[in-house]
Amino acid sequence: MNEKQLNELMKINENNQTLEATFFEMQKGLDYIAKQGKYLFDKCLEEGFNEEQALKFSISILTGGVK
């Protein structure tokens, strides 16, 4: 393996590590959003919303659809 090939391989490895770290952080973020959505839904039910209302409200909050 020549030096140029080695440098390219090292770049690819670095890019793969960056991609893996980004994916891991994205998973953590989505997990947090899911937990917050469940918490919001449950709180809506506690406050007297029916399931359909709680679901619509929770989705609209999480997607920024509230006007």
C-alpha atoms as a PDB file:
ATOM      1  CA  MET A   1       0.000   0.000   0.000  1.00  0.00           C
ATOM      2  CA  ASN A   2       1.494   3.309  -1.000  1.00  0.00           C
ATOM      3  CA  GLU A   3       1.367   6.529   0.997  1.00  0.00           C
ATOM      4  CA  LYS A   4      -1.462   8.022  -1.074  1.00  0.00           C
ATOM      5  CA  GLN A   5      -3.645   4.969  -0.503  1.00  0.00           C
ATOM      6  CA  LEU A   6      -2.832   5.017   3.206  1.00  0.00           C
ATOM      7  CA  ASN A   7      -3.794   8.699   3.477  1.00  0.00           C
ATOM      8  CA  GLU A   8      -7.075   8.044   1.685  1.00  0.00           C
ATOM      9  CA  LEU A   9      -7.794   5.103   3.976  1.00  0.00           C
ATOM     10  CA  MET A  10      -7.091   7.264   7.019  1.00  0.00           C
ATOM     11  CA  LYS A  11      -9.486   9.957   5.697  1.00  0.00           C
ATOM     12  CA  ILE A  12     -12.195   7.363   5.147  1.00  0.00           C
ATOM     13  CA  ASN A  13     -11.684   6.007   8.659  1.00  0.00           C
ATOM     14  CA  GLU A  14     -11.925   9.512  10.146  1.00  0.00           C
ATOM     15  CA  ASN A  15     -15.119  10.197   8.164  1.00  0.00           C
ATOM     16  CA  ASN A  16     -16.618   6.912   9.356  1.00  0.00           C
ATOM     17  CA  GLN A  17     -15.840   7.796  12.971  1.00  0.00           C
ATOM     18  CA  THR A  18     -17.476  11.207  12.535  1.00  0.00           C
ATOM     19  CA  LEU A  19     -20.532   9.622  10.939  1.00  0.00           C
ATOM     20  CA  GLU A  20     -20.798   7.072  13.753  1.00  0.00           C
ATOM     21  CA  ALA A  21     -20.586   9.799  16.422  1.00  0.00           C
ATOM     22  CA  THR A  22     -23.202  11.891  14.610  1.00  0.00           C
ATOM     23  CA  PHE A  23     -25.545   8.914  14.375  1.00  0.00           C
ATOM     24  CA  PHE A  24     -25.106   8.164  18.090  1.00  0.00           C
ATOM     25  CA  GLU A  25     -25.918  11.771  19.019  1.00  0.00           C
ATOM     26  CA  MET A  26     -28.952  11.709  16.737  1.00  0.00           C
ATOM     27  CA  GLN A  27     -30.201   8.538  18.446  1.00  0.00           C
ATOM     28  CA  LYS A  28     -29.834  10.199  21.847  1.00  0.00           C
ATOM     29  CA  GLY A  29     -31.756  13.222  20.618  1.00  0.00           C
ATOM     30  CA  LEU A  30     -34.589  11.143  19.188  1.00  0.00           C
ATOM     31  CA  ASP A  31     -34.787   9.132  22.405  1.00  0.00           C
ATOM     32  CA  TYR A  32     -35.126  12.376  24.381  1.00  0.00           C
ATOM     33  CA  ILE A  33     -37.857  13.665  22.046  1.00  0.00           C
ATOM     34  CA  ALA A  34     -39.778  10.385  22.354  1.00  0.00           C
ATOM     35  CA  LYS A  35     -39.616  10.500  26.154  1.00  0.00           C
ATOM     36  CA  GLN A  36     -40.768  14.121  26.220  1.00  0.00           C
ATOM     37  CA  GLY A  37     -43.610  13.295  23.835  1.00  0.00           C
ATOM     38  CA  LYS A  38     -44.777  10.455  26.066  1.00  0.00           C
ATOM     39  CA  TYR A  39     -44.564  12.694  29.130  1.00  0.00           C
ATOM     40  CA  LEU A  40     -46.580  15.434  27.396  1.00  0.00           C
ATOM     41  CA  PHE A  41     -49.199  12.934  26.217  1.00  0.00           C
ATOM     42  CA  ASP A  42     -49.575  11.490  29.732  1.00  0.00           C
ATOM     43  CA  LYS A  43     -49.862  14.970  31.254  1.00  0.00           C
ATOM     44  CA  CYS A  44     -52.568  15.889  28.764  1.00  0.00           C
ATOM     45  CA  LEU A  45     -54.537  12.804  29.791  1.00  0.00           C
ATOM     46  CA  GLU A  46     -54.105  13.742  33.457  1.00  0.00           C
ATOM     47  CA  GLU A  47     -55.520  17.200  32.681  1.00  0.00           C
ATOM     48  CA  GLY A  48     -58.675  15.767  31.123  1.00  0.00           C
ATOM     49  CA  PHE A  49     -57.861  15.524  27.431  1.00  0.00           C
ATOM     50  CA  ASN A  50     -59.178  12.438  25.688  1.00  0.00           C
ATOM     51  CA  GLU A  51     -56.604  10.280  23.888  1.00  0.00           C
ATOM     52  CA  GLU A  52     -57.246  11.814  20.463  1.00  0.00           C
ATOM     53  CA  GLN A  53     -56.931  15.364  21.800  1.00  0.00           C
ATOM     54  CA  ALA A  54     -53.793  14.488  23.764  1.00  0.00           C
ATOM     55  CA  LEU A  55     -52.200  12.863  20.729  1.00  0.00           C
ATOM     56  CA  LYS A  56     -53.026  15.750  18.389  1.00  0.00           C
ATOM     57  CA  PHE A  57     -51.790  18.323  20.898  1.00  0.00           C
ATOM     58  CA  SER A  58     -48.573  16.417  21.632  1.00  0.00           C
ATOM     59  CA  ILE A  59     -47.790  15.944  17.957  1.00  0.00           C
ATOM     60  CA  SER A  60     -48.481  19.586  17.191  1.00  0.00           C
ATOM     61  CA  ILE A  61     -46.143  20.711  19.988  1.00  0.00           C
ATOM     62  CA  LEU A  62     -43.347  18.346  18.939  1.00  0.00           C
ATOM     63  CA  THR A  63     -43.602  19.266  15.269  1.00  0.00           C
ATOM     64  CA  GLY A  64     -44.010  22.986  15.801  1.00  0.00           C
ATOM     65  CA  GLY A  65     -47.520  22.967  14.392  1.00  0.00           C
ATOM     66  CA  VAL A  66     -49.100  25.058  17.153  1.00  0.00           C
ATOM     67  CA  LYS A  67     -50.201  28.482  15.929  1.00  0.00           C
END
